PDB file of all heavy atoms in Angstrom:
ATOM      1  N   PRO A   1     115.409 122.953  88.972  1.00  0.00           N
ATOM      2  CA  PRO A   1     115.576 124.236  88.282  1.00  0.00           C
ATOM      3  C   PRO A   1     116.653 124.171  87.211  1.00  0.00           C
ATOM      4  O   PRO A   1     117.771 123.714  87.461  1.00  0.00           O
ATOM      5  CB  PRO A   1     115.970 125.187  89.414  1.00  0.00           C
ATOM      6  CG  PRO A   1     115.364 124.587  90.635  1.00  0.00           C
ATOM      7  CD  PRO A   1     115.492 123.096  90.435  1.00  0.00           C
ATOM      8  N   GLY A   2     116.308 124.610  86.020  1.00  0.00           N
ATOM      9  CA  GLY A   2     117.253 124.612  84.922  1.00  0.00           C
ATOM     10  C   GLY A   2     117.496 123.259  84.295  1.00  0.00           C
ATOM     11  O   GLY A   2     118.349 123.140  83.405  1.00  0.00           O
ATOM     12  N   LYS A   3     116.772 122.261  84.736  1.00  0.00           N
ATOM     13  CA  LYS A   3     116.948 120.907  84.221  1.00  0.00           C
ATOM     14  C   LYS A   3     115.693 120.429  83.503  1.00  0.00           C
ATOM     15  O   LYS A   3     114.594 120.927  83.722  1.00  0.00           O
ATOM     16  CB  LYS A   3     117.288 119.939  85.357  1.00  0.00           C
ATOM     17  CG  LYS A   3     118.546 120.282  86.132  1.00  0.00           C
ATOM     18  CD  LYS A   3     119.789 120.115  85.287  1.00  0.00           C
ATOM     19  CE  LYS A   3     121.037 120.348  86.118  1.00  0.00           C
ATOM     20  NZ  LYS A   3     122.275 120.170  85.314  1.00  0.00           N
ATOM     21  N   GLN A   4     115.881 119.453  82.647  1.00  0.00           N
ATOM     22  CA  GLN A   4     114.770 118.844  81.941  1.00  0.00           C
ATOM     23  C   GLN A   4     114.050 117.850  82.845  1.00  0.00           C
ATOM     24  O   GLN A   4     114.674 117.192  83.679  1.00  0.00           O
ATOM     25  CB  GLN A   4     115.290 118.144  80.683  1.00  0.00           C
ATOM     26  CG  GLN A   4     114.215 117.575  79.781  1.00  0.00           C
ATOM     27  CD  GLN A   4     114.796 116.980  78.510  1.00  0.00           C
ATOM     28  OE1 GLN A   4     115.938 117.224  78.161  1.00  0.00           O
ATOM     29  NE2 GLN A   4     113.997 116.189  77.804  1.00  0.00           N
ATOM     30  N   ARG A   5     112.752 117.753  82.675  1.00  0.00           N
ATOM     31  CA  ARG A   5     112.006 116.778  83.450  1.00  0.00           C
ATOM     32  C   ARG A   5     112.462 115.372  83.070  1.00  0.00           C
ATOM     33  O   ARG A   5     112.603 115.039  81.897  1.00  0.00           O
ATOM     34  CB  ARG A   5     110.506 116.931  83.210  1.00  0.00           C
ATOM     35  CG  ARG A   5     109.654 116.028  84.086  1.00  0.00           C
ATOM     36  CD  ARG A   5     108.162 116.273  83.884  1.00  0.00           C
ATOM     37  NE  ARG A   5     107.776 117.620  84.256  1.00  0.00           N
ATOM     38  CZ  ARG A   5     106.518 118.051  84.292  1.00  0.00           C
ATOM     39  NH1 ARG A   5     105.524 117.222  83.999  1.00  0.00           N
ATOM     40  NH2 ARG A   5     106.262 119.305  84.624  1.00  0.00           N
ATOM     41  N   GLU A   6     112.678 114.543  84.079  1.00  0.00           N
ATOM     42  CA  GLU A   6     113.182 113.209  83.848  1.00  0.00           C
ATOM     43  C   GLU A   6     112.357 112.170  84.582  1.00  0.00           C
ATOM     44  O   GLU A   6     111.759 112.443  85.629  1.00  0.00           O
ATOM     45  CB  GLU A   6     114.652 113.099  84.297  1.00  0.00           C
ATOM     46  CG  GLU A   6     114.854 113.305  85.793  1.00  0.00           C
ATOM     47  CD  GLU A   6     116.283 113.069  86.245  1.00  0.00           C
ATOM     48  OE1 GLU A   6     117.089 112.540  85.443  1.00  0.00           O
ATOM     49  OE2 GLU A   6     116.604 113.408  87.403  1.00  0.00           O
ATOM     50  N   LEU A   7     112.353 110.986  84.033  1.00  0.00           N
ATOM     51  CA  LEU A   7     111.687 109.867  84.682  1.00  0.00           C
ATOM     52  C   LEU A   7     112.508 109.408  85.874  1.00  0.00           C
ATOM     53  O   LEU A   7     113.713 109.187  85.759  1.00  0.00           O
ATOM     54  CB  LEU A   7     111.507 108.713  83.698  1.00  0.00           C
ATOM     55  CG  LEU A   7     110.968 107.402  84.290  1.00  0.00           C
ATOM     56  CD1 LEU A   7     109.520 107.574  84.727  1.00  0.00           C
ATOM     57  CD2 LEU A   7     111.093 106.266  83.279  1.00  0.00           C
ATOM     58  N   VAL A   8     111.854 109.244  86.999  1.00  0.00           N
ATOM     59  CA  VAL A   8     112.495 108.730  88.198  1.00  0.00           C
ATOM     60  C   VAL A   8     112.229 107.239  88.327  1.00  0.00           C
ATOM     61  O   VAL A   8     113.149 106.440  88.506  1.00  0.00           O
ATOM     62  CB  VAL A   8     112.013 109.464  89.460  1.00  0.00           C
ATOM     63  CG1 VAL A   8     112.649 108.862  90.713  1.00  0.00           C
ATOM     64  CG2 VAL A   8     112.327 110.951  89.360  1.00  0.00           C
ATOM     65  N   ALA A   9     110.972 106.868  88.268  1.00  0.00           N
ATOM     66  CA  ALA A   9     110.580 105.474  88.396  1.00  0.00           C
ATOM     67  C   ALA A   9     109.201 105.278  87.814  1.00  0.00           C
ATOM     68  O   ALA A   9     108.386 106.196  87.805  1.00  0.00           O
ATOM     69  CB  ALA A   9     110.608 105.031  89.865  1.00  0.00           C
ATOM     70  N   ALA A  10     108.943 104.085  87.327  1.00  0.00           N
ATOM     71  CA  ALA A  10     107.643 103.757  86.770  1.00  0.00           C
ATOM     72  C   ALA A  10     107.284 102.331  87.148  1.00  0.00           C
ATOM     73  O   ALA A  10     108.161 101.494  87.380  1.00  0.00           O
ATOM     74  CB  ALA A  10     107.640 103.924  85.255  1.00  0.00           C
ATOM     75  N   ILE A  11     105.999 102.068  87.182  1.00  0.00           N
ATOM     76  CA  ILE A  11     105.524 100.736  87.523  1.00  0.00           C
ATOM     77  C   ILE A  11     104.273 100.435  86.721  1.00  0.00           C
ATOM     78  O   ILE A  11     103.378 101.263  86.586  1.00  0.00           O
ATOM     79  CB  ILE A  11     105.267 100.616  89.048  1.00  0.00           C
ATOM     80  CG1 ILE A  11     104.868  99.186  89.419  1.00  0.00           C
ATOM     81  CG2 ILE A  11     104.230 101.630  89.511  1.00  0.00           C
ATOM     82  CD1 ILE A  11     104.882  98.939  90.924  1.00  0.00           C
ATOM     83  N   THR A  12     104.207  99.244  86.166  1.00  0.00           N
ATOM     84  CA  THR A  12     103.051  98.832  85.386  1.00  0.00           C
ATOM     85  C   THR A  12     101.988  98.245  86.299  1.00  0.00           C
ATOM     86  O   THR A  12     102.215  97.995  87.482  1.00  0.00           O
ATOM     87  CB  THR A  12     103.439  97.793  84.324  1.00  0.00           C
ATOM     88  OG1 THR A  12     103.811  96.566  84.972  1.00  0.00           O
ATOM     89  CG2 THR A  12     104.602  98.284  83.477  1.00  0.00           C
ATOM     90  N   SER A  13     100.824  98.011  85.725  1.00  0.00           N
ATOM     91  CA  SER A  13      99.750  97.404  86.502  1.00  0.00           C
ATOM     92  C   SER A  13     100.109  96.001  86.964  1.00  0.00           C
ATOM     93  O   SER A  13      99.569  95.522  87.961  1.00  0.00           O
ATOM     94  CB  SER A  13      98.455  97.365  85.679  1.00  0.00           C
ATOM     95  OG  SER A  13      98.622  96.606  84.491  1.00  0.00           O
ATOM     96  N   GLY A  14     101.023  95.355  86.247  1.00  0.00           N
ATOM     97  CA  GLY A  14     101.469  94.032  86.620  1.00  0.00           C
ATOM     98  C   GLY A  14     102.608  94.010  87.618  1.00  0.00           C
ATOM     99  O   GLY A  14     103.009  92.932  88.077  1.00  0.00           O
ATOM    100  N   GLY A  15     103.141  95.183  87.949  1.00  0.00           N
ATOM    101  CA  GLY A  15     104.179  95.260  88.955  1.00  0.00           C
ATOM    102  C   GLY A  15     105.595  95.387  88.430  1.00  0.00           C
ATOM    103  O   GLY A  15     106.539  95.452  89.235  1.00  0.00           O
ATOM    104  N   SER A  16     105.781  95.426  87.123  1.00  0.00           N
ATOM    105  CA  SER A  16     107.117  95.625  86.578  1.00  0.00           C
ATOM    106  C   SER A  16     107.573  97.051  86.830  1.00  0.00           C
ATOM    107  O   SER A  16     106.796  97.997  86.682  1.00  0.00           O
ATOM    108  CB  SER A  16     107.135  95.329  85.080  1.00  0.00           C
ATOM    109  OG  SER A  16     106.808  93.978  84.829  1.00  0.00           O
ATOM    110  N   THR A  17     108.837  97.215  87.189  1.00  0.00           N
ATOM    111  CA  THR A  17     109.355  98.532  87.553  1.00  0.00           C
ATOM    112  C   THR A  17     110.536  98.931  86.693  1.00  0.00           C
ATOM    113  O   THR A  17     111.229  98.092  86.109  1.00  0.00           O
ATOM    114  CB  THR A  17     109.782  98.566  89.025  1.00  0.00           C
ATOM    115  OG1 THR A  17     110.785  97.569  89.258  1.00  0.00           O
ATOM    116  CG2 THR A  17     108.594  98.299  89.936  1.00  0.00           C
ATOM    117  N   ASN A  18     110.757 100.227  86.645  1.00  0.00           N
ATOM    118  CA  ASN A  18     111.881 100.793  85.922  1.00  0.00           C
ATOM    119  C   ASN A  18     112.358 102.013  86.689  1.00  0.00           C
ATOM    120  O   ASN A  18     111.540 102.824  87.132  1.00  0.00           O
ATOM    121  CB  ASN A  18     111.470 101.168  84.498  1.00  0.00           C
ATOM    122  CG  ASN A  18     112.644 101.603  83.642  1.00  0.00           C
ATOM    123  OD1 ASN A  18     113.764 101.138  83.837  1.00  0.00           O
ATOM    124  ND2 ASN A  18     112.393 102.479  82.683  1.00  0.00           N
ATOM    125  N   TYR A  19     113.676 102.149  86.838  1.00  0.00           N
ATOM    126  CA  TYR A  19     114.247 103.241  87.608  1.00  0.00           C
ATOM    127  C   TYR A  19     115.324 103.969  86.825  1.00  0.00           C
ATOM    128  O   TYR A  19     116.043 103.368  86.022  1.00  0.00           O
ATOM    129  CB  TYR A  19     114.885 102.731  88.900  1.00  0.00           C
ATOM    130  CG  TYR A  19     113.932 102.105  89.879  1.00  0.00           C
ATOM    131  CD1 TYR A  19     113.691 100.737  89.859  1.00  0.00           C
ATOM    132  CD2 TYR A  19     113.295 102.874  90.844  1.00  0.00           C
ATOM    133  CE1 TYR A  19     112.825 100.155  90.768  1.00  0.00           C
ATOM    134  CE2 TYR A  19     112.428 102.296  91.755  1.00  0.00           C
ATOM    135  CZ  TYR A  19     112.198 100.938  91.715  1.00  0.00           C
ATOM    136  OH  TYR A  19     111.331 100.358  92.627  1.00  0.00           O
ATOM    137  N   ALA A  20     115.442 105.243  87.100  1.00  0.00           N
ATOM    138  CA  ALA A  20     116.585 105.982  86.608  1.00  0.00           C
ATOM    139  C   ALA A  20     117.837 105.480  87.314  1.00  0.00           C
ATOM    140  O   ALA A  20     117.797 105.103  88.487  1.00  0.00           O
ATOM    141  CB  ALA A  20     116.409 107.478  86.865  1.00  0.00           C
ATOM    142  N   ASP A  21     118.951 105.477  86.604  1.00  0.00           N
ATOM    143  CA  ASP A  21     120.189 104.982  87.190  1.00  0.00           C
ATOM    144  C   ASP A  21     120.579 105.750  88.453  1.00  0.00           C
ATOM    145  O   ASP A  21     121.156 105.180  89.382  1.00  0.00           O
ATOM    146  CB  ASP A  21     121.323 105.065  86.170  1.00  0.00           C
ATOM    147  CG  ASP A  21     121.187 104.046  85.055  1.00  0.00           C
ATOM    148  OD1 ASP A  21     120.478 103.042  85.241  1.00  0.00           O
ATOM    149  OD2 ASP A  21     121.808 104.255  83.994  1.00  0.00           O
ATOM    150  N   SER A  22     120.261 107.015  88.495  1.00  0.00           N
ATOM    151  CA  SER A  22     120.663 107.853  89.610  1.00  0.00           C
ATOM    152  C   SER A  22     119.955 107.515  90.922  1.00  0.00           C
ATOM    153  O   SER A  22     120.412 107.925  91.988  1.00  0.00           O
ATOM    154  CB  SER A  22     120.430 109.330  89.278  1.00  0.00           C
ATOM    155  OG  SER A  22     119.061 109.576  89.009  1.00  0.00           O
ATOM    156  N   VAL A  23     118.862 106.774  90.850  1.00  0.00           N
ATOM    157  CA  VAL A  23     118.103 106.472  92.063  1.00  0.00           C
ATOM    158  C   VAL A  23     118.046 104.988  92.375  1.00  0.00           C
ATOM    159  O   VAL A  23     117.490 104.602  93.416  1.00  0.00           O
ATOM    160  CB  VAL A  23     116.665 107.031  91.989  1.00  0.00           C
ATOM    161  CG1 VAL A  23     116.693 108.521  91.679  1.00  0.00           C
ATOM    162  CG2 VAL A  23     115.837 106.277  90.957  1.00  0.00           C
ATOM    163  N   LYS A  24     118.608 104.164  91.538  1.00  0.00           N
ATOM    164  CA  LYS A  24     118.585 102.728  91.781  1.00  0.00           C
ATOM    165  C   LYS A  24     119.271 102.401  93.099  1.00  0.00           C
ATOM    166  O   LYS A  24     120.344 102.903  93.399  1.00  0.00           O
ATOM    167  CB  LYS A  24     119.270 101.978  90.637  1.00  0.00           C
ATOM    168  CG  LYS A  24     118.462 101.919  89.352  1.00  0.00           C
ATOM    169  CD  LYS A  24     119.182 101.126  88.275  1.00  0.00           C
ATOM    170  CE  LYS A  24     118.360 101.041  87.008  1.00  0.00           C
ATOM    171  NZ  LYS A  24     119.063 100.307  85.930  1.00  0.00           N
ATOM    172  N   GLY A  25     118.627 101.556  93.870  1.00  0.00           N
ATOM    173  CA  GLY A  25     119.154 101.176  95.164  1.00  0.00           C
ATOM    174  C   GLY A  25     118.743 102.091  96.290  1.00  0.00           C
ATOM    175  O   GLY A  25     118.945 101.760  97.460  1.00  0.00           O
ATOM    176  N   ARG A  26     118.181 103.243  95.958  1.00  0.00           N
ATOM    177  CA  ARG A  26     117.757 104.202  96.974  1.00  0.00           C
ATOM    178  C   ARG A  26     116.253 104.440  96.971  1.00  0.00           C
ATOM    179  O   ARG A  26     115.654 104.671  98.015  1.00  0.00           O
ATOM    180  CB  ARG A  26     118.474 105.541  96.791  1.00  0.00           C
ATOM    181  CG  ARG A  26     119.988 105.448  96.901  1.00  0.00           C
ATOM    182  CD  ARG A  26     120.638 106.830  96.895  1.00  0.00           C
ATOM    183  NE  ARG A  26     120.369 107.559  95.661  1.00  0.00           N
ATOM    184  CZ  ARG A  26     119.686 108.695  95.589  1.00  0.00           C
ATOM    185  NH1 ARG A  26     119.206 109.248  96.707  1.00  0.00           N
ATOM    186  NH2 ARG A  26     119.497 109.293  94.426  1.00  0.00           N
ATOM    187  N   PHE A  27     115.650 104.410  95.799  1.00  0.00           N
ATOM    188  CA  PHE A  27     114.220 104.662  95.677  1.00  0.00           C
ATOM    189  C   PHE A  27     113.491 103.365  95.349  1.00  0.00           C
ATOM    190  O   PHE A  27     114.011 102.511  94.617  1.00  0.00           O
ATOM    191  CB  PHE A  27     113.927 105.671  94.564  1.00  0.00           C
ATOM    192  CG  PHE A  27     114.384 107.080  94.841  1.00  0.00           C
ATOM    193  CD1 PHE A  27     115.180 107.386  95.928  1.00  0.00           C
ATOM    194  CD2 PHE A  27     113.998 108.102  93.992  1.00  0.00           C
ATOM    195  CE1 PHE A  27     115.603 108.680  96.177  1.00  0.00           C
ATOM    196  CE2 PHE A  27     114.408 109.404  94.227  1.00  0.00           C
ATOM    197  CZ  PHE A  27     115.211 109.693  95.317  1.00  0.00           C
ATOM    198  N   THR A  28     112.286 103.238  95.847  1.00  0.00           N
ATOM    199  CA  THR A  28     111.451 102.089  95.557  1.00  0.00           C
ATOM    200  C   THR A  28     110.048 102.553  95.199  1.00  0.00           C
ATOM    201  O   THR A  28     109.419 103.278  95.969  1.00  0.00           O
ATOM    202  CB  THR A  28     111.379 101.121  96.748  1.00  0.00           C
ATOM    203  OG1 THR A  28     112.693 100.679  97.097  1.00  0.00           O
ATOM    204  CG2 THR A  28     110.530  99.908  96.385  1.00  0.00           C
ATOM    205  N   ILE A  29     109.576 102.136  94.046  1.00  0.00           N
ATOM    206  CA  ILE A  29     108.228 102.478  93.633  1.00  0.00           C
ATOM    207  C   ILE A  29     107.313 101.277  93.858  1.00  0.00           C
ATOM    208  O   ILE A  29     107.721 100.135  93.655  1.00  0.00           O
ATOM    209  CB  ILE A  29     108.182 102.934  92.154  1.00  0.00           C
ATOM    210  CG1 ILE A  29     106.797 103.482  91.803  1.00  0.00           C
ATOM    211  CG2 ILE A  29     108.578 101.803  91.210  1.00  0.00           C
ATOM    212  CD1 ILE A  29     106.745 104.173  90.434  1.00  0.00           C
ATOM    213  N   SER A  30     106.108 101.546  94.284  1.00  0.00           N
ATOM    214  CA  SER A  30     105.129 100.502  94.501  1.00  0.00           C
ATOM    215  C   SER A  30     103.743 101.066  94.239  1.00  0.00           C
ATOM    216  O   SER A  30     103.565 102.283  94.118  1.00  0.00           O
ATOM    217  CB  SER A  30     105.227  99.937  95.926  1.00  0.00           C
ATOM    218  OG  SER A  30     104.971 100.940  96.892  1.00  0.00           O
ATOM    219  N   ARG A  31     102.762 100.196  94.144  1.00  0.00           N
ATOM    220  CA  ARG A  31     101.405 100.662  93.903  1.00  0.00           C
ATOM    221  C   ARG A  31     100.398  99.742  94.560  1.00  0.00           C
ATOM    222  O   ARG A  31     100.648  98.547  94.758  1.00  0.00           O
ATOM    223  CB  ARG A  31     101.115 100.795  92.402  1.00  0.00           C
ATOM    224  CG  ARG A  31     101.082  99.480  91.638  1.00  0.00           C
ATOM    225  CD  ARG A  31     101.009  99.707  90.131  1.00  0.00           C
ATOM    226  NE  ARG A  31      99.702 100.207  89.710  1.00  0.00           N
ATOM    227  CZ  ARG A  31      99.401 100.598  88.465  1.00  0.00           C
ATOM    228  NH1 ARG A  31     100.349 100.584  87.536  1.00  0.00           N
ATOM    229  NH2 ARG A  31      98.193 101.023  88.170  1.00  0.00           N
ATOM    230  N   ASP A  32      99.276 100.319  94.878  1.00  0.00           N
ATOM    231  CA  ASP A  32      98.149  99.591  95.418  1.00  0.00           C
ATOM    232  C   ASP A  32      97.018  99.776  94.421  1.00  0.00           C
ATOM    233  O   ASP A  32      96.381 100.829  94.382  1.00  0.00           O
ATOM    234  CB  ASP A  32      97.768 100.121  96.796  1.00  0.00           C
ATOM    235  CG  ASP A  32      96.687  99.298  97.471  1.00  0.00           C
ATOM    236  OD1 ASP A  32      95.886  98.665  96.759  1.00  0.00           O
ATOM    237  OD2 ASP A  32      96.632  99.296  98.711  1.00  0.00           O
ATOM    238  N   ASN A  33      96.787  98.777  93.599  1.00  0.00           N
ATOM    239  CA  ASN A  33      95.790  98.901  92.542  1.00  0.00           C
ATOM    240  C   ASN A  33      94.376  99.085  93.093  1.00  0.00           C
ATOM    241  O   ASN A  33      93.556  99.767  92.482  1.00  0.00           O
ATOM    242  CB  ASN A  33      95.839  97.674  91.631  1.00  0.00           C
ATOM    243  CG  ASN A  33      97.092  97.631  90.782  1.00  0.00           C
ATOM    244  OD1 ASN A  33      97.657  98.668  90.434  1.00  0.00           O
ATOM    245  ND2 ASN A  33      97.531  96.431  90.432  1.00  0.00           N
ATOM    246  N   ALA A  34      94.100  98.473  94.220  1.00  0.00           N
ATOM    247  CA  ALA A  34      92.781  98.605  94.821  1.00  0.00           C
ATOM    248  C   ALA A  34      92.504 100.040  95.242  1.00  0.00           C
ATOM    249  O   ALA A  34      91.359 100.497  95.218  1.00  0.00           O
ATOM    250  CB  ALA A  34      92.635  97.663  96.007  1.00  0.00           C
ATOM    251  N   LYS A  35      93.553 100.754  95.629  1.00  0.00           N
ATOM    252  CA  LYS A  35      93.417 102.140  96.063  1.00  0.00           C
ATOM    253  C   LYS A  35      93.794 103.132  94.973  1.00  0.00           C
ATOM    254  O   LYS A  35      93.715 104.345  95.193  1.00  0.00           O
ATOM    255  CB  LYS A  35      94.279 102.396  97.293  1.00  0.00           C
ATOM    256  CG  LYS A  35      93.880 101.594  98.521  1.00  0.00           C
ATOM    257  CD  LYS A  35      94.781 101.930  99.700  1.00  0.00           C
ATOM    258  CE  LYS A  35      94.368 101.153 100.938  1.00  0.00           C
ATOM    259  NZ  LYS A  35      95.244 101.467 102.094  1.00  0.00           N
ATOM    260  N   ASN A  36      94.218 102.628  93.825  1.00  0.00           N
ATOM    261  CA  ASN A  36      94.674 103.485  92.732  1.00  0.00           C
ATOM    262  C   ASN A  36      95.718 104.487  93.212  1.00  0.00           C
ATOM    263  O   ASN A  36      95.660 105.681  92.903  1.00  0.00           O
ATOM    264  CB  ASN A  36      93.490 104.212  92.090  1.00  0.00           C
ATOM    265  CG  ASN A  36      92.559 103.268  91.370  1.00  0.00           C
ATOM    266  OD1 ASN A  36      92.996 102.383  90.647  1.00  0.00           O
ATOM    267  ND2 ASN A  36      91.253 103.458  91.562  1.00  0.00           N
ATOM    268  N   THR A  37      96.666 103.976  93.950  1.00  0.00           N
ATOM    269  CA  THR A  37      97.685 104.813  94.554  1.00  0.00           C
ATOM    270  C   THR A  37      99.072 104.270  94.246  1.00  0.00           C
ATOM    271  O   THR A  37      99.298 103.060  94.291  1.00  0.00           O
ATOM    272  CB  THR A  37      97.496 104.897  96.080  1.00  0.00           C
ATOM    273  OG1 THR A  37      96.209 105.450  96.367  1.00  0.00           O
ATOM    274  CG2 THR A  37      98.554 105.780  96.718  1.00  0.00           C
ATOM    275  N   VAL A  38      99.981 105.166  93.941  1.00  0.00           N
ATOM    276  CA  VAL A  38     101.370 104.805  93.707  1.00  0.00           C
ATOM    277  C   VAL A  38     102.233 105.509  94.748  1.00  0.00           C
ATOM    278  O   VAL A  38     101.934 106.636  95.165  1.00  0.00           O
ATOM    279  CB  VAL A  38     101.819 105.164  92.275  1.00  0.00           C
ATOM    280  CG1 VAL A  38     101.761 106.672  92.039  1.00  0.00           C
ATOM    281  CG2 VAL A  38     103.214 104.619  91.993  1.00  0.00           C
ATOM    282  N   TYR A  39     103.289 104.839  95.172  1.00  0.00           N
ATOM    283  CA  TYR A  39     104.167 105.360  96.207  1.00  0.00           C
ATOM    284  C   TYR A  39     105.602 105.416  95.700  1.00  0.00           C
ATOM    285  O   TYR A  39     106.007 104.649  94.832  1.00  0.00           O
ATOM    286  CB  TYR A  39     104.123 104.481  97.455  1.00  0.00           C
ATOM    287  CG  TYR A  39     102.737 104.225  97.989  1.00  0.00           C
ATOM    288  CD1 TYR A  39     102.017 103.106  97.595  1.00  0.00           C
ATOM    289  CD2 TYR A  39     102.147 105.103  98.897  1.00  0.00           C
ATOM    290  CE1 TYR A  39     100.745 102.866  98.082  1.00  0.00           C
ATOM    291  CE2 TYR A  39     100.883 104.871  99.384  1.00  0.00           C
ATOM    292  CZ  TYR A  39     100.180 103.755  98.980  1.00  0.00           C
ATOM    293  OH  TYR A  39      98.914 103.525  99.473  1.00  0.00           O
ATOM    294  N   LEU A  40     106.352 106.300  96.277  1.00  0.00           N
ATOM    295  CA  LEU A  40     107.779 106.360  96.020  1.00  0.00           C
ATOM    296  C   LEU A  40     108.491 106.503  97.349  1.00  0.00           C
ATOM    297  O   LEU A  40     108.450 107.571  97.972  1.00  0.00           O
ATOM    298  CB  LEU A  40     108.139 107.527  95.092  1.00  0.00           C
ATOM    299  CG  LEU A  40     109.606 107.588  94.658  1.00  0.00           C
ATOM    300  CD1 LEU A  40     109.937 106.397  93.750  1.00  0.00           C
ATOM    301  CD2 LEU A  40     109.910 108.895  93.934  1.00  0.00           C
ATOM    302  N   GLN A  41     109.117 105.432  97.786  1.00  0.00           N
ATOM    303  CA  GLN A  41     109.892 105.450  99.018  1.00  0.00           C
ATOM    304  C   GLN A  41     111.314 105.868  98.679  1.00  0.00           C
ATOM    305  O   GLN A  41     111.978 105.210  97.876  1.00  0.00           O
ATOM    306  CB  GLN A  41     109.889 104.078  99.685  1.00  0.00           C
ATOM    307  CG  GLN A  41     110.683 104.008 100.981  1.00  0.00           C
ATOM    308  CD  GLN A  41     110.070 104.837 102.079  1.00  0.00           C
ATOM    309  OE1 GLN A  41     108.887 104.696 102.394  1.00  0.00           O
ATOM    310  NE2 GLN A  41     110.860 105.731 102.671  1.00  0.00           N
ATOM    311  N   MET A  42     111.769 106.931  99.281  1.00  0.00           N
ATOM    312  CA  MET A  42     113.077 107.483  98.989  1.00  0.00           C
ATOM    313  C   MET A  42     113.932 107.449 100.255  1.00  0.00           C
ATOM    314  O   MET A  42     113.534 107.978 101.285  1.00  0.00           O
ATOM    315  CB  MET A  42     112.965 108.917  98.477  1.00  0.00           C
ATOM    316  CG  MET A  42     112.055 109.074  97.268  1.00  0.00           C
ATOM    317  SD  MET A  42     111.987 110.775  96.648  1.00  0.00           S
ATOM    318  CE  MET A  42     111.138 111.574  98.018  1.00  0.00           C
TER     319      MET A  42
END
């Protein structure tokens, strides 16, 4: 609320990841290409 939408984490089809500094070390993004599903473990 009252904040701008921000990127938390992203992952490419090849598995490269990018995280916001505020969540590094705490959040993990992953994906299952066969299931077309992305996960965010927090």
